[in-house]
Amino acid sequence: MKLPSDISGERLAELLAVFGYRKTRQSGSHIRLTTTDFGEHHITIPSHSAVKLGTLNSIIRDVAAHSKATREEVMEKLFGKK
């Protein structure tokens, strides 16, 4: 599956709700998300109009590691297509 190149930080924060992440604070152009599913975990995402692919890939890998899922499973849940 290919990463979307046009996803915004705000939209990514909304999509990550599937994994139990909720916005806990925003400082400038960064959004802090927290989940208590599978133990407490925090991630910070940029609130840009388009998140860079390397940053998006890193966030997906971090979520996958925390939720004990594969990168592909996380991408399918977030973006819904193969």
N, C-alpha and C. Protein backbone atom coordinates (compact mmCIF):
# COMPACT_ATOMS: atom_id res chain seq x y z
N MET A 1 0.85 -1.18 0.00
CA MET A 1 0.00 0.00 0.00
C MET A 1 0.89 1.24 0.00
N LYS A 2 0.48 2.21 -0.76
CA LYS A 2 1.22 3.45 -0.88
C LYS A 2 0.69 4.48 0.11
N LEU A 3 1.59 5.26 0.68
CA LEU A 3 1.19 6.31 1.62
C LEU A 3 0.55 7.47 0.87
N PRO A 4 -0.52 8.04 1.43
CA PRO A 4 -1.10 9.23 0.80
C PRO A 4 -0.18 10.43 0.98
N SER A 5 0.01 11.18 -0.08
CA SER A 5 0.95 12.31 -0.01
C SER A 5 0.28 13.63 0.33
N ASP A 6 -1.03 13.60 0.49
CA ASP A 6 -1.76 14.86 0.69
C ASP A 6 -2.57 14.90 1.98
N ILE A 7 -2.20 14.10 2.97
CA ILE A 7 -2.98 14.06 4.21
C ILE A 7 -2.48 15.14 5.17
N SER A 8 -3.42 15.87 5.74
CA SER A 8 -3.07 16.94 6.68
C SER A 8 -2.89 16.37 8.09
N GLY A 9 -2.23 17.12 8.92
CA GLY A 9 -2.04 16.72 10.31
C GLY A 9 -3.36 16.60 11.05
N GLU A 10 -4.27 17.53 10.80
CA GLU A 10 -5.59 17.49 11.45
C GLU A 10 -6.36 16.23 11.04
N ARG A 11 -6.31 15.89 9.76
CA ARG A 11 -7.01 14.70 9.26
C ARG A 11 -6.38 13.44 9.84
N LEU A 12 -5.06 13.40 9.91
CA LEU A 12 -4.38 12.24 10.48
C LEU A 12 -4.77 12.06 11.95
N ALA A 13 -4.87 13.16 12.68
CA ALA A 13 -5.30 13.09 14.09
C ALA A 13 -6.70 12.49 14.19
N GLU A 14 -7.60 12.87 13.28
CA GLU A 14 -8.96 12.32 13.27
C GLU A 14 -8.93 10.82 12.97
N LEU A 15 -8.12 10.42 12.00
CA LEU A 15 -8.05 9.01 11.61
C LEU A 15 -7.47 8.13 12.71
N LEU A 16 -6.54 8.67 13.47
CA LEU A 16 -5.91 7.89 14.53
C LEU A 16 -6.84 7.58 15.69
N ALA A 17 -8.02 8.17 15.70
CA ALA A 17 -9.03 7.84 16.72
C ALA A 17 -9.41 6.36 16.66
N VAL A 18 -9.24 5.73 15.50
CA VAL A 18 -9.52 4.30 15.34
C VAL A 18 -8.66 3.49 16.30
N PHE A 19 -7.46 3.97 16.60
CA PHE A 19 -6.56 3.29 17.52
C PHE A 19 -6.65 3.85 18.94
N GLY A 20 -7.66 4.67 19.20
CA GLY A 20 -7.89 5.20 20.54
C GLY A 20 -7.15 6.48 20.86
N TYR A 21 -6.50 7.08 19.87
CA TYR A 21 -5.76 8.33 20.12
C TYR A 21 -6.72 9.50 20.18
N ARG A 22 -6.49 10.37 21.15
CA ARG A 22 -7.28 11.58 21.34
C ARG A 22 -6.33 12.77 21.46
N LYS A 23 -6.76 13.91 20.96
CA LYS A 23 -5.95 15.12 21.07
C LYS A 23 -5.90 15.54 22.53
N THR A 24 -4.69 15.65 23.08
CA THR A 24 -4.56 16.06 24.47
C THR A 24 -4.08 17.50 24.58
N ARG A 25 -3.36 17.97 23.57
CA ARG A 25 -2.97 19.38 23.57
C ARG A 25 -2.39 19.75 22.21
N GLN A 26 -2.29 21.04 21.98
CA GLN A 26 -1.65 21.54 20.77
C GLN A 26 -0.75 22.70 21.17
N SER A 27 0.48 22.63 20.71
CA SER A 27 1.45 23.67 21.00
C SER A 27 2.01 24.16 19.67
N GLY A 28 1.60 25.34 19.27
CA GLY A 28 2.05 25.86 17.98
C GLY A 28 1.53 25.00 16.85
N SER A 29 2.46 24.49 16.04
CA SER A 29 2.05 23.70 14.89
C SER A 29 2.17 22.20 15.12
N HIS A 30 2.14 21.76 16.37
CA HIS A 30 2.22 20.34 16.67
C HIS A 30 1.06 19.91 17.56
N ILE A 31 0.51 18.75 17.24
CA ILE A 31 -0.62 18.19 17.97
C ILE A 31 -0.12 16.98 18.76
N ARG A 32 -0.45 16.93 20.04
CA ARG A 32 -0.08 15.81 20.89
C ARG A 32 -1.30 14.91 21.04
N LEU A 33 -1.13 13.62 20.69
CA LEU A 33 -2.19 12.64 20.82
C LEU A 33 -1.80 11.60 21.86
N THR A 34 -2.79 11.10 22.58
CA THR A 34 -2.55 10.10 23.62
C THR A 34 -3.59 9.00 23.50
N THR A 35 -3.15 7.76 23.73
CA THR A 35 -4.05 6.63 23.82
C THR A 35 -3.73 5.85 25.10
N THR A 36 -4.74 5.20 25.63
CA THR A 36 -4.52 4.31 26.77
C THR A 36 -4.78 2.86 26.36
N ASP A 37 -5.11 2.64 25.08
CA ASP A 37 -5.25 1.27 24.57
C ASP A 37 -3.87 0.63 24.54
N PHE A 38 -3.74 -0.58 25.03
CA PHE A 38 -2.47 -1.31 25.09
C PHE A 38 -1.45 -0.58 25.97
N GLY A 39 -1.90 0.20 26.93
CA GLY A 39 -1.01 1.00 27.78
C GLY A 39 -0.95 2.42 27.23
N GLU A 40 -0.49 3.34 28.07
CA GLU A 40 -0.45 4.74 27.66
C GLU A 40 0.64 4.98 26.62
N HIS A 41 0.29 5.75 25.59
CA HIS A 41 1.25 6.06 24.53
C HIS A 41 0.95 7.44 23.98
N HIS A 42 2.00 8.21 23.71
CA HIS A 42 1.86 9.56 23.17
C HIS A 42 2.57 9.65 21.83
N ILE A 43 1.98 10.39 20.90
CA ILE A 43 2.66 10.72 19.66
C ILE A 43 2.40 12.20 19.37
N THR A 44 3.33 12.79 18.68
CA THR A 44 3.22 14.19 18.29
C THR A 44 3.22 14.24 16.77
N ILE A 45 2.23 14.92 16.20
CA ILE A 45 2.17 15.05 14.76
C ILE A 45 2.14 16.52 14.38
N PRO A 46 2.72 16.85 13.23
CA PRO A 46 2.70 18.25 12.79
C PRO A 46 1.32 18.63 12.27
N SER A 47 0.89 19.81 12.56
CA SER A 47 -0.41 20.29 12.08
C SER A 47 -0.20 21.07 10.78
N HIS A 48 0.37 20.39 9.80
CA HIS A 48 0.64 21.01 8.50
C HIS A 48 -0.44 20.63 7.51
N SER A 49 -0.52 21.37 6.41
CA SER A 49 -1.52 21.07 5.39
C SER A 49 -1.24 19.73 4.72
N ALA A 50 0.01 19.34 4.62
CA ALA A 50 0.38 18.01 4.11
C ALA A 50 1.57 17.51 4.93
N VAL A 51 1.37 16.38 5.60
CA VAL A 51 2.44 15.79 6.41
C VAL A 51 3.44 15.14 5.45
N LYS A 52 4.72 15.38 5.66
CA LYS A 52 5.75 14.78 4.81
C LYS A 52 5.70 13.26 4.91
N LEU A 53 6.03 12.60 3.80
CA LEU A 53 5.93 11.14 3.74
C LEU A 53 6.80 10.44 4.78
N GLY A 54 8.01 10.93 5.00
CA GLY A 54 8.89 10.32 6.00
C GLY A 54 8.32 10.44 7.40
N THR A 55 7.73 11.59 7.69
CA THR A 55 7.11 11.82 9.00
C THR A 55 5.89 10.91 9.16
N LEU A 56 5.07 10.83 8.12
CA LEU A 56 3.89 9.97 8.15
C LEU A 56 4.28 8.51 8.35
N ASN A 57 5.30 8.07 7.64
CA ASN A 57 5.77 6.69 7.77
C ASN A 57 6.26 6.42 9.19
N SER A 58 6.96 7.35 9.77
CA SER A 58 7.45 7.20 11.14
C SER A 58 6.30 7.11 12.14
N ILE A 59 5.28 7.94 11.96
CA ILE A 59 4.10 7.91 12.85
C ILE A 59 3.39 6.56 12.73
N ILE A 60 3.24 6.08 11.51
CA ILE A 60 2.56 4.79 11.29
C ILE A 60 3.36 3.65 11.93
N ARG A 61 4.67 3.66 11.79
CA ARG A 61 5.50 2.62 12.41
C ARG A 61 5.39 2.68 13.93
N ASP A 62 5.35 3.88 14.49
CA ASP A 62 5.23 4.04 15.94
C ASP A 62 3.89 3.51 16.45
N VAL A 63 2.82 3.83 15.75
CA VAL A 63 1.48 3.33 16.11
C VAL A 63 1.44 1.81 15.98
N ALA A 64 2.02 1.27 14.92
CA ALA A 64 2.04 -0.18 14.70
C ALA A 64 2.79 -0.88 15.82
N ALA A 65 3.94 -0.35 16.21
CA ALA A 65 4.72 -0.97 17.28
C ALA A 65 3.97 -0.96 18.60
N HIS A 66 3.29 0.15 18.89
CA HIS A 66 2.56 0.25 20.15
C HIS A 66 1.34 -0.68 20.16
N SER A 67 0.63 -0.76 19.04
CA SER A 67 -0.59 -1.57 19.00
C SER A 67 -0.33 -3.02 18.63
N LYS A 68 0.95 -3.38 18.46
CA LYS A 68 1.35 -4.75 18.12
C LYS A 68 0.69 -5.22 16.82
N ALA A 69 0.67 -4.33 15.85
CA ALA A 69 0.13 -4.63 14.53
C ALA A 69 1.23 -4.39 13.51
N THR A 70 1.00 -4.86 12.29
CA THR A 70 1.97 -4.58 11.24
C THR A 70 1.70 -3.20 10.66
N ARG A 71 2.68 -2.68 9.98
CA ARG A 71 2.55 -1.38 9.32
C ARG A 71 1.39 -1.42 8.32
N GLU A 72 1.28 -2.53 7.58
CA GLU A 72 0.22 -2.67 6.59
C GLU A 72 -1.17 -2.70 7.23
N GLU A 73 -1.29 -3.36 8.38
CA GLU A 73 -2.58 -3.39 9.09
C GLU A 73 -2.99 -2.00 9.54
N VAL A 74 -2.04 -1.23 10.04
CA VAL A 74 -2.32 0.14 10.48
C VAL A 74 -2.75 0.98 9.28
N MET A 75 -2.02 0.87 8.18
CA MET A 75 -2.35 1.66 6.99
C MET A 75 -3.74 1.30 6.45
N GLU A 76 -4.07 0.01 6.45
CA GLU A 76 -5.39 -0.41 5.97
C GLU A 76 -6.50 0.14 6.86
N LYS A 77 -6.28 0.12 8.18
CA LYS A 77 -7.29 0.67 9.09
C LYS A 77 -7.45 2.18 8.94
N LEU A 78 -6.33 2.86 8.72
CA LEU A 78 -6.38 4.32 8.60
C LEU A 78 -6.92 4.77 7.25
N PHE A 79 -6.42 4.19 6.18
CA PHE A 79 -6.74 4.69 4.85
C PHE A 79 -7.69 3.80 4.07
N GLY A 80 -7.97 2.60 4.59
CA GLY A 80 -9.05 1.75 4.09
C GLY A 80 -8.92 1.10 2.74
N LYS A 81 -7.76 1.11 2.12
CA LYS A 81 -7.64 0.43 0.84
C LYS A 81 -6.25 -0.13 0.68
N LYS A 82 -6.14 -1.13 -0.15
CA LYS A 82 -4.83 -1.76 -0.38
C LYS A 82 -4.19 -1.22 -1.60
